[in-house]
Structure formats: structure tokens, C-alpha cells
């Protein structure tokens, strides 16, 4: 996979993995789709964006290129903020983003990736749904229960020791050490950060005074680039805690989150429950499927820190071949086979049939 000047150092490992997947696919090998190798599609798509999608994109790229050997998909996990900047600048044919463009950005327009800077609109498709795990590294402890207020207090810097009563009262059987807590946050503009701060602002307003934002709102503390960066920083310390796409937290300890009087561990199924109940953002064009997620839910069994990551493209492209390739790739990612490939490789939650029907209608608009 090619590496452009906009790539970030923390993304190199994921980029290499995607490159290997793409090369292996284009060299032949097996296929999961009938008629693979007979595809009339050809050309290259360049994309950037959410690092949370890295494992899913690895699977999607490999399978799509196996079925379409004359197509190359270059996806660089630069982070959501950089992806959105690249889409506006016209440097990416499509992007992955852990949030949809907001109302102000939609009104401003100027999407350089699209014909007439997106005057015909854009498509925003919620195709990657995954829990954001609150993960920690604490010797001898693999799991903890934390309320929303406790999580907010830790990341706001108000709860500073692991044996604090706000933690101990929810974990009476845990041998909590007298050890300083070291929160780790994203250094880049991140949709995962926006998801996490949206949850804190909605579920713990008395403990979290900041607005939802993709840029970490508190100065100081330990920061790292990308999903892999915060996971590596947390893994290398003791007493560290972070937030990250659950597919990439590895062997770190995991927090079960307080919801309506119970503590809910993360799972793809529990995260999907919050998405299925989410209405569309009002006032958007037909192909824009941005969702309003209720992070303050108290519904039983729902994991409330759900990352809804979007694939974003144009309704109209200058190049008809690019439009055809984007449409075909989006269609594959949205398909049951594509969603299962992502679930197997990344642990994400497949979208519902009802949401898929809406997504297919949006993809049909691309031209």
C-alpha cells in the first residue's frame, strides 16, 4: 500500500497490514464469491480515515480484491480528523470517519473529493459498529466495574488513585492497589474521542464539564497517536487506563460500564442495541445516514459507549470509474458477507437488515 505524506507514524503498522492484505489478494489465492476473477471492475481507490476501522478494512480490502483482481484499494488509517480534512481537500476518494460530518460542516460544503464540491450531496453510511472499551493495565486485575461518574472522574483527573472509594464501592472483591491512575488519551483529532466524550457528557454531566469533541479537551496527561498508540502506551505502563475500539485492546483489563443499576461488559451485540434504536439526524439529505445515538441510555443490557464509524463518499464524482468503484466497494462492505468479514476480523457488530436497506438506497445514489 502506498504511504502518502499525510500518513502518521502511528498508523504505519496498520497500513502495512492492509498493504499485505491487498498484495496477497491481487496475487491470486482463494475467493469467497462466485465469478471472482471475471469482474469487469478495474482501477484504484485512495482512502484515509478512522484507525478504528483498520482490522475491518484489512478484511474488506482482501476479500474485495480477491473478487476483483484488477482493483486496488489503498486505505490509510490516519485518524478520522485527517480523513475528513482529506475529503474536503479532495485527497481521498472516500473516507472512514468515527463521526459523521456535523451540521456546520455540511452547510459549509466544499467537499473537494466530489463533483462541484459536493453540491449534489454526500453519502454517510454507518457500516462499522463497535464498542469502545475502557481498558486498563493493573497488575493482578483483569476486570472492574465502573459507574459513568467514576469513569468521568478518572479521565477528568478528579479520581487519581486506584483504591479511591468511587472505584472500591463497585468492586468489593478486588484487591485495589494504592497506586496512581494514569489516564491515556488520543493526541490526534479522533472520532473515538468524540464518541467517548459524547458518552461522558451525556451519562455523567455532574462529573464531566466538557462538551463532546474529537480533540481531547483537557491539557496535560499522557497522549498517544491513533488507536494502536493509546493501546501500546496503556500496555507498557502499570496503573494506566484508556479508551479504544474494543477490537484492538488485546490483553488489557476491561471495564464493565454502569447502566441503569447494572454493569454491562462490552460486546458487539450490546453495542448494536444502542444503534438500532438511534434515529437519523434531522434535516439531512436522503443519502446521509448520520445517527443520533443516546449515550445516556439506561436500557438493560445495552453497552452505551458505542462507536458508529461511517464510510463517506460523494453522490457525484467527476470520474465515472471512481464512482463505479466506490459504489461497488460500499455495496460489498454493507452486504451480509462484508459485515461478517468485518465481524470475524474486528469483532464488530453486523448492521441490521433494516439499516442495510437504507444503506443500499443511499449507495444507489452514487454516480
Protein backbone atom coordinates (compact mmCIF):
# COMPACT_ATOMS: atom_id res chain seq x y z
CA UNK A 1 0.00 0.00 0.00
CA UNK A 2 1.33 3.41 -0.83
CA UNK A 3 2.15 5.78 2.00
CA UNK A 4 1.39 9.44 1.33
CA UNK A 5 2.77 12.49 3.12
CA UNK A 6 -0.41 12.77 5.16
CA UNK A 7 0.21 9.45 6.91
CA UNK A 8 1.05 9.50 10.56
CA UNK A 9 3.77 7.40 12.20
CA UNK A 10 1.32 5.62 14.49
CA UNK A 11 -0.62 4.33 11.51
CA UNK A 12 2.30 2.56 9.83
CA UNK A 13 1.71 -0.84 11.37
CA UNK A 14 -1.93 -0.90 10.31
CA UNK A 15 -1.06 0.42 6.87
CA UNK A 16 1.46 -2.37 6.43
CA UNK A 17 -1.14 -4.94 7.39
CA UNK A 18 -3.59 -3.55 4.84
CA UNK A 19 -0.86 -3.48 2.22
CA UNK A 20 -0.10 -7.14 2.80
CA UNK A 21 -3.78 -7.98 2.50
CA UNK A 22 -4.04 -6.06 -0.75
CA UNK A 23 -0.92 -7.63 -2.26
CA UNK A 24 -1.98 -11.14 -1.31
CA UNK A 25 -5.41 -10.58 -2.80
CA UNK A 26 -4.04 -9.29 -6.08
CA UNK A 27 -1.64 -12.22 -6.36
CA UNK A 28 -4.48 -14.69 -6.61
CA UNK A 29 -5.31 -17.16 -3.88
CA UNK A 30 -8.78 -18.23 -2.84
CA UNK A 31 -12.05 -16.39 -3.21
CA UNK A 32 -15.34 -16.38 -1.40
CA UNK A 33 -17.53 -15.14 -4.22
CA UNK A 34 -18.70 -16.96 -7.34
CA UNK A 35 -17.41 -15.42 -10.54
CA UNK A 36 -14.39 -13.86 -8.87
CA UNK A 37 -11.70 -13.17 -11.43
CA UNK A 38 -14.35 -12.40 -14.06
CA UNK A 39 -15.01 -8.93 -12.66
CA UNK A 40 -15.07 -6.04 -15.13
CA UNK A 41 -14.04 -3.59 -12.43
CA UNK A 42 -10.57 -2.08 -12.58
CA UNK A 43 -8.76 0.89 -11.13
CA UNK A 44 -7.52 2.30 -7.82
CA UNK A 45 -9.25 3.98 -4.90
CA UNK A 46 -7.30 6.01 -2.34
CA UNK A 47 -8.86 6.45 1.07
CA UNK A 48 -7.88 7.66 4.51
CA UNK A 49 -9.55 7.92 7.88
CA UNK A 50 -10.54 6.12 11.05
CA UNK A 51 -7.88 3.93 12.62
CA UNK A 52 -10.65 2.07 14.45
CA UNK A 53 -11.63 0.55 11.10
CA UNK A 54 -8.14 -0.84 10.43
CA UNK A 55 -8.92 -4.50 11.16
CA UNK A 56 -12.24 -4.34 9.32
CA UNK A 57 -10.65 -2.63 6.32
CA UNK A 58 -7.95 -5.30 6.25
CA UNK A 59 -10.65 -7.93 5.78
CA UNK A 60 -12.74 -5.83 3.38
CA UNK A 61 -9.79 -4.93 1.16
CA UNK A 62 -8.57 -8.52 0.94
CA UNK A 63 -11.95 -10.01 0.09
CA UNK A 64 -12.94 -7.29 -2.38
CA UNK A 65 -9.64 -7.53 -4.25
CA UNK A 66 -9.90 -11.31 -4.41
CA UNK A 67 -13.23 -10.91 -6.17
CA UNK A 68 -11.97 -8.00 -8.29
CA UNK A 69 -8.28 -8.67 -9.07
CA UNK A 70 -7.87 -5.57 -11.24
CA UNK A 71 -8.91 -3.25 -8.40
CA UNK A 72 -6.60 -1.79 -5.76
CA UNK A 73 -7.96 -0.22 -2.56
CA UNK A 74 -5.49 1.90 -0.57
CA UNK A 75 -6.86 2.67 2.89
CA UNK A 76 -4.55 4.60 5.22
CA UNK A 77 -5.70 4.72 8.90
CA UNK A 78 -4.64 8.33 9.51
CA UNK A 79 -7.38 9.06 12.06
CA UNK A 80 -10.87 10.41 11.47
CA UNK A 81 -9.98 14.08 11.64
CA UNK A 82 -7.28 13.77 8.99
CA UNK A 83 -9.65 11.70 6.86
CA UNK A 84 -12.31 14.40 6.92
CA UNK A 85 -9.71 17.06 6.07
CA UNK A 86 -8.52 14.95 3.13
CA UNK A 87 -12.08 14.50 1.84
CA UNK A 88 -12.65 18.25 1.93
CA UNK A 89 -9.28 18.81 0.22
CA UNK A 90 -10.02 16.23 -2.47
CA UNK A 91 -7.13 13.98 -1.43
CA UNK A 92 -9.27 10.86 -0.79
CA UNK A 93 -11.89 9.19 -2.99
CA UNK A 94 -13.76 8.12 0.15
CA UNK A 95 -13.01 8.13 3.86
CA UNK A 96 -13.71 6.30 7.09
CA UNK A 97 -14.76 8.51 9.99
CA UNK A 98 -15.79 7.75 13.55
CA UNK A 99 -18.34 10.51 13.31
CA UNK A 100 -20.44 11.94 10.53
CA UNK A 101 -19.84 15.47 9.29
CA UNK A 102 -21.71 17.86 11.58
CA UNK A 103 -24.36 20.36 10.52
CA UNK A 104 -21.87 23.23 10.25
CA UNK A 105 -19.52 21.21 8.06
CA UNK A 106 -22.38 20.08 5.84
CA UNK A 107 -23.57 23.67 5.44
CA UNK A 108 -20.05 24.84 4.57
CA UNK A 109 -19.74 22.22 1.82
CA UNK A 110 -16.60 22.43 -0.28
CA UNK A 111 -16.01 18.68 -0.46
CA UNK A 112 -13.14 18.56 -2.93
CA UNK A 113 -13.46 14.80 -3.45
CA UNK A 114 -16.83 15.32 -5.16
CA UNK A 115 -18.02 16.83 -8.42
CA UNK A 116 -18.89 20.51 -7.94
CA UNK A 117 -17.51 20.22 -4.39
CA UNK A 118 -20.40 18.06 -3.28
CA UNK A 119 -23.25 20.28 -4.38
CA UNK A 120 -25.27 17.11 -5.07
CA UNK A 121 -24.57 15.91 -1.54
CA UNK A 122 -22.59 13.16 0.16
CA UNK A 123 -23.40 9.69 1.42
CA UNK A 124 -22.57 8.84 5.05
CA UNK A 125 -23.05 5.17 5.84
CA UNK A 126 -22.78 3.69 9.36
CA UNK A 127 -21.10 0.42 8.33
CA UNK A 128 -18.75 -0.21 11.27
CA UNK A 129 -20.32 -0.52 14.70
CA UNK A 130 -18.12 -1.45 17.63
CA UNK A 131 -17.98 -0.94 21.37
CA UNK A 132 -15.38 1.50 22.67
CA UNK A 133 -13.72 -0.32 25.53
CA UNK A 134 -12.48 1.36 28.68
CA UNK A 135 -9.29 -0.67 29.12
CA UNK A 136 -6.66 -0.62 31.84
CA UNK A 137 -3.37 -2.20 32.90
CA UNK A 138 -3.38 -3.07 36.57
CA UNK A 139 -1.29 -5.96 37.80
CA UNK A 140 -3.40 -8.89 39.00
CA UNK A 141 -6.77 -7.39 37.98
CA UNK A 142 -8.48 -8.37 34.73
CA UNK A 143 -11.88 -6.67 35.08
CA UNK A 144 -13.54 -3.88 37.02
CA UNK A 145 -16.99 -2.36 37.37
CA UNK A 146 -17.14 1.42 36.98
CA UNK A 147 -20.08 3.81 37.02
CA UNK A 148 -20.30 6.59 34.45
CA UNK A 149 -19.41 9.12 37.16
CA UNK A 150 -16.33 7.12 38.15
CA UNK A 151 -15.13 6.86 34.55
CA UNK A 152 -15.68 10.59 34.06
CA UNK A 153 -13.90 11.39 37.32
CA UNK A 154 -10.88 9.34 36.34
CA UNK A 155 -10.48 10.95 32.92
CA UNK A 156 -11.23 14.43 34.28
CA UNK A 157 -8.41 14.00 36.80
CA UNK A 158 -10.63 14.12 39.88
CA UNK A 159 -10.20 10.45 40.82
CA UNK A 160 -6.47 9.89 40.97
CA UNK A 161 -5.83 6.64 42.85
CA UNK A 162 -6.94 3.09 42.12
CA UNK A 163 -8.14 2.48 45.70
CA UNK A 164 -10.43 5.51 45.64
CA UNK A 165 -13.83 4.82 47.20
CA UNK A 166 -15.59 5.63 43.92
CA UNK A 167 -13.87 2.56 42.44
CA UNK A 168 -13.79 0.37 45.53
CA UNK A 169 -17.52 0.56 46.23
CA UNK A 170 -18.33 -1.06 42.87
CA UNK A 171 -15.57 -3.68 43.24
CA UNK A 172 -15.75 -5.04 46.81
CA UNK A 173 -13.85 -8.23 45.93
CA UNK A 174 -10.98 -6.55 44.07
CA UNK A 175 -7.61 -6.04 45.75
CA UNK A 176 -7.17 -2.46 44.58
CA UNK A 177 -3.64 -1.09 44.99
CA UNK A 178 -2.59 2.24 46.48
CA UNK A 179 -1.38 3.36 43.05
CA UNK A 180 -1.77 6.50 40.98
CA UNK A 181 -4.11 6.30 37.98
CA UNK A 182 -2.52 7.30 34.66
CA UNK A 183 -5.18 8.05 32.01
CA UNK A 184 -4.06 7.89 28.37
CA UNK A 185 -5.95 9.84 25.70
CA UNK A 186 -5.70 10.32 21.94
CA UNK A 187 -3.34 13.06 20.74
CA UNK A 188 -5.00 13.31 17.32
CA UNK A 189 -8.44 14.55 16.31
CA UNK A 190 -10.35 11.32 16.73
CA UNK A 191 -13.91 10.14 16.26
CA UNK A 192 -13.26 7.63 19.03
CA UNK A 193 -12.51 10.54 21.35
CA UNK A 194 -15.70 12.23 20.22
CA UNK A 195 -17.68 9.06 20.93
CA UNK A 196 -16.11 8.74 24.37
CA UNK A 197 -16.57 12.39 25.33
CA UNK A 198 -20.15 12.28 23.99
CA UNK A 199 -20.78 9.39 26.39
CA UNK A 200 -19.17 11.21 29.33
CA UNK A 201 -21.09 14.42 28.67
CA UNK A 202 -24.42 12.60 28.36
CA UNK A 203 -24.08 9.92 31.04
CA UNK A 204 -22.08 11.82 33.70
CA UNK A 205 -22.86 15.54 33.34
CA UNK A 206 -22.13 16.25 37.01
CA UNK A 207 -18.62 14.75 36.77
CA UNK A 208 -17.70 15.80 33.20
CA UNK A 209 -17.91 19.52 32.47
CA UNK A 210 -16.65 19.42 28.88
CA UNK A 211 -18.54 19.23 25.59
CA UNK A 212 -18.23 16.33 23.19
CA UNK A 213 -15.25 16.84 20.91
CA UNK A 214 -12.87 14.86 18.74
CA UNK A 215 -9.94 16.74 20.30
CA UNK A 216 -9.21 15.80 23.92
CA UNK A 217 -10.44 18.79 25.95
CA UNK A 218 -8.02 18.65 28.89
CA UNK A 219 -4.44 19.88 28.69
CA UNK A 220 -1.66 17.68 30.02
CA UNK A 221 -1.68 13.98 30.77
CA UNK A 222 -0.34 11.18 28.63
CA UNK A 223 -1.36 11.21 24.97
CA UNK A 224 -0.68 8.91 22.03
CA UNK A 225 -1.40 8.87 18.31
CA UNK A 226 -4.16 6.62 16.99
CA UNK A 227 -5.84 3.55 18.43
CA UNK A 228 -2.67 1.49 18.39
CA UNK A 229 -0.80 4.30 20.12
CA UNK A 230 -3.08 4.53 23.16
CA UNK A 231 -3.24 0.74 23.46
CA UNK A 232 0.56 0.46 23.33
CA UNK A 233 1.00 3.24 25.89
CA UNK A 234 -1.50 1.62 28.25
CA UNK A 235 0.05 -1.83 27.81
CA UNK A 236 3.52 -0.55 28.62
CA UNK A 237 2.54 1.09 31.91
CA UNK A 238 1.11 0.00 35.25
CA UNK A 239 -1.94 1.79 36.57
CA UNK A 240 -2.78 3.13 33.11
CA UNK A 241 -6.27 3.39 31.63
CA UNK A 242 -7.55 4.41 28.20
CA UNK A 243 -10.46 4.23 25.78
CA UNK A 244 -10.13 2.44 22.43
CA UNK A 245 -12.00 0.45 19.82
CA UNK A 246 -12.65 -2.86 21.53
CA UNK A 247 -11.25 -4.87 18.62
CA UNK A 248 -7.74 -3.64 19.41
CA UNK A 249 -7.38 -3.71 23.22
CA UNK A 250 -5.75 -7.14 23.29
CA UNK A 251 -4.94 -8.46 26.78
CA UNK A 252 -5.69 -5.29 28.72
CA UNK A 253 -8.13 -5.38 31.61
CA UNK A 254 -11.69 -4.40 30.74
CA UNK A 255 -14.28 -2.21 32.46
CA UNK A 256 -17.94 -3.20 32.70
CA UNK A 257 -19.89 0.05 32.49
CA UNK A 258 -22.69 1.03 34.83
CA UNK A 259 -26.04 1.29 33.05
CA UNK A 260 -29.33 1.64 34.90
CA UNK A 261 -28.23 -0.14 38.05
CA UNK A 262 -26.27 -2.96 36.39
CA UNK A 263 -22.75 -3.29 34.99
CA UNK A 264 -22.57 -4.21 31.33
CA UNK A 265 -19.42 -5.65 29.73
CA UNK A 266 -18.76 -4.70 26.14
CA UNK A 267 -19.84 -6.93 23.31
CA UNK A 268 -20.71 -6.33 19.68
CA UNK A 269 -24.30 -7.35 20.37
CA UNK A 270 -24.68 -4.99 23.36
CA UNK A 271 -23.24 -2.10 21.33
CA UNK A 272 -25.55 -2.83 18.39
CA UNK A 273 -28.59 -2.43 20.64
CA UNK A 274 -27.93 1.28 21.09
CA UNK A 275 -27.51 1.80 17.35
CA UNK A 276 -30.71 0.05 16.32
CA UNK A 277 -32.70 2.48 18.47
CA UNK A 278 -30.94 5.59 17.14
CA UNK A 279 -32.93 7.93 14.86
CA UNK A 280 -31.38 9.71 11.88
CA UNK A 281 -30.13 13.26 12.34
CA UNK A 282 -32.89 15.58 11.19
CA UNK A 283 -32.54 17.79 8.13
CA UNK A 284 -30.02 15.70 6.19
CA UNK A 285 -30.18 14.67 2.53
CA UNK A 286 -31.51 11.24 1.56
CA UNK A 287 -28.10 9.57 1.31
CA UNK A 288 -26.81 10.96 4.62
CA UNK A 289 -27.50 8.36 7.31
CA UNK A 290 -25.94 10.14 10.27
CA UNK A 291 -27.40 8.76 13.52
CA UNK A 292 -28.36 10.38 16.83
CA UNK A 293 -27.02 7.94 19.45
CA UNK A 294 -28.38 8.10 23.02
CA UNK A 295 -25.26 7.65 25.15
CA UNK A 296 -27.25 8.26 28.34
CA UNK A 297 -29.43 5.18 27.85
CA UNK A 298 -30.45 3.18 30.91
CA UNK A 299 -31.90 0.27 28.94
CA UNK A 300 -30.96 -3.13 30.37
CA UNK A 301 -28.16 -4.94 28.59
CA UNK A 302 -27.12 -2.02 26.39
CA UNK A 303 -23.43 -1.14 26.23
CA UNK A 304 -23.56 2.66 26.00
CA UNK A 305 -20.13 3.55 24.57
CA UNK A 306 -20.82 2.50 21.00
CA UNK A 307 -18.61 3.66 18.18
CA UNK A 308 -20.58 4.27 14.99
CA UNK A 309 -17.99 4.62 12.25
CA UNK A 310 -19.02 5.83 8.81
CA UNK A 311 -17.92 5.26 5.25
CA UNK A 312 -18.29 8.62 3.50
CA UNK A 313 -18.36 9.24 -0.23
CA UNK A 314 -19.86 11.52 -2.86
CA UNK A 315 -23.24 11.39 -4.55
CA UNK A 316 -21.47 12.58 -7.72
CA UNK A 317 -17.85 12.09 -8.78
CA UNK A 318 -16.01 13.75 -11.65
CA UNK A 319 -14.67 10.35 -12.73
CA UNK A 320 -17.35 7.78 -13.59
CA UNK A 321 -14.93 4.91 -12.94
CA UNK A 322 -14.24 6.17 -9.42
CA UNK A 323 -17.99 6.38 -8.83
CA UNK A 324 -18.44 2.78 -10.01
CA UNK A 325 -15.61 1.50 -7.80
CA UNK A 326 -16.83 3.39 -4.71
CA UNK A 327 -20.38 2.11 -5.26
CA UNK A 328 -19.17 -1.47 -5.65
CA UNK A 329 -16.88 -1.34 -2.60
CA UNK A 330 -19.55 0.28 -0.40
CA UNK A 331 -22.05 -2.34 -1.57
CA UNK A 332 -19.66 -5.13 -0.57
CA UNK A 333 -18.92 -3.63 2.86
CA UNK A 334 -22.66 -3.28 3.55
CA UNK A 335 -23.51 -6.80 2.38
CA UNK A 336 -24.05 -9.65 4.85
CA UNK A 337 -20.79 -11.17 3.60
CA UNK A 338 -18.89 -7.93 4.10
CA UNK A 339 -20.31 -7.36 7.56
CA UNK A 340 -19.46 -10.93 8.55
CA UNK A 341 -15.89 -10.46 7.29
CA UNK A 342 -15.52 -7.38 9.49
CA UNK A 343 -17.11 -9.14 12.46
CA UNK A 344 -14.71 -12.08 12.12
CA UNK A 345 -11.61 -9.92 11.82
CA UNK A 346 -12.51 -6.98 14.05
CA UNK A 347 -15.27 -8.17 16.39
CA UNK A 348 -17.66 -5.50 15.12
CA UNK A 349 -21.45 -5.76 15.14
CA UNK A 350 -23.09 -6.51 11.77
CA UNK A 351 -25.68 -3.93 10.78
CA UNK A 352 -29.36 -4.87 10.85
CA UNK A 353 -31.35 -5.75 7.73
CA UNK A 354 -33.41 -2.59 8.17
CA UNK A 355 -30.30 -0.40 8.27
CA UNK A 356 -28.83 -2.29 5.29
CA UNK A 357 -31.91 -1.47 3.23
CA UNK A 358 -31.39 2.24 3.95
CA UNK A 359 -27.69 1.95 3.15
CA UNK A 360 -28.38 0.22 -0.18
CA UNK A 361 -30.75 3.02 -1.17
CA UNK A 362 -28.06 5.58 -0.38
CA UNK A 363 -25.40 3.69 -2.35
CA UNK A 364 -27.72 3.58 -5.35
CA UNK A 365 -27.49 7.39 -5.48
CA UNK A 366 -23.73 7.35 -6.21
CA UNK A 367 -22.83 8.23 -9.77
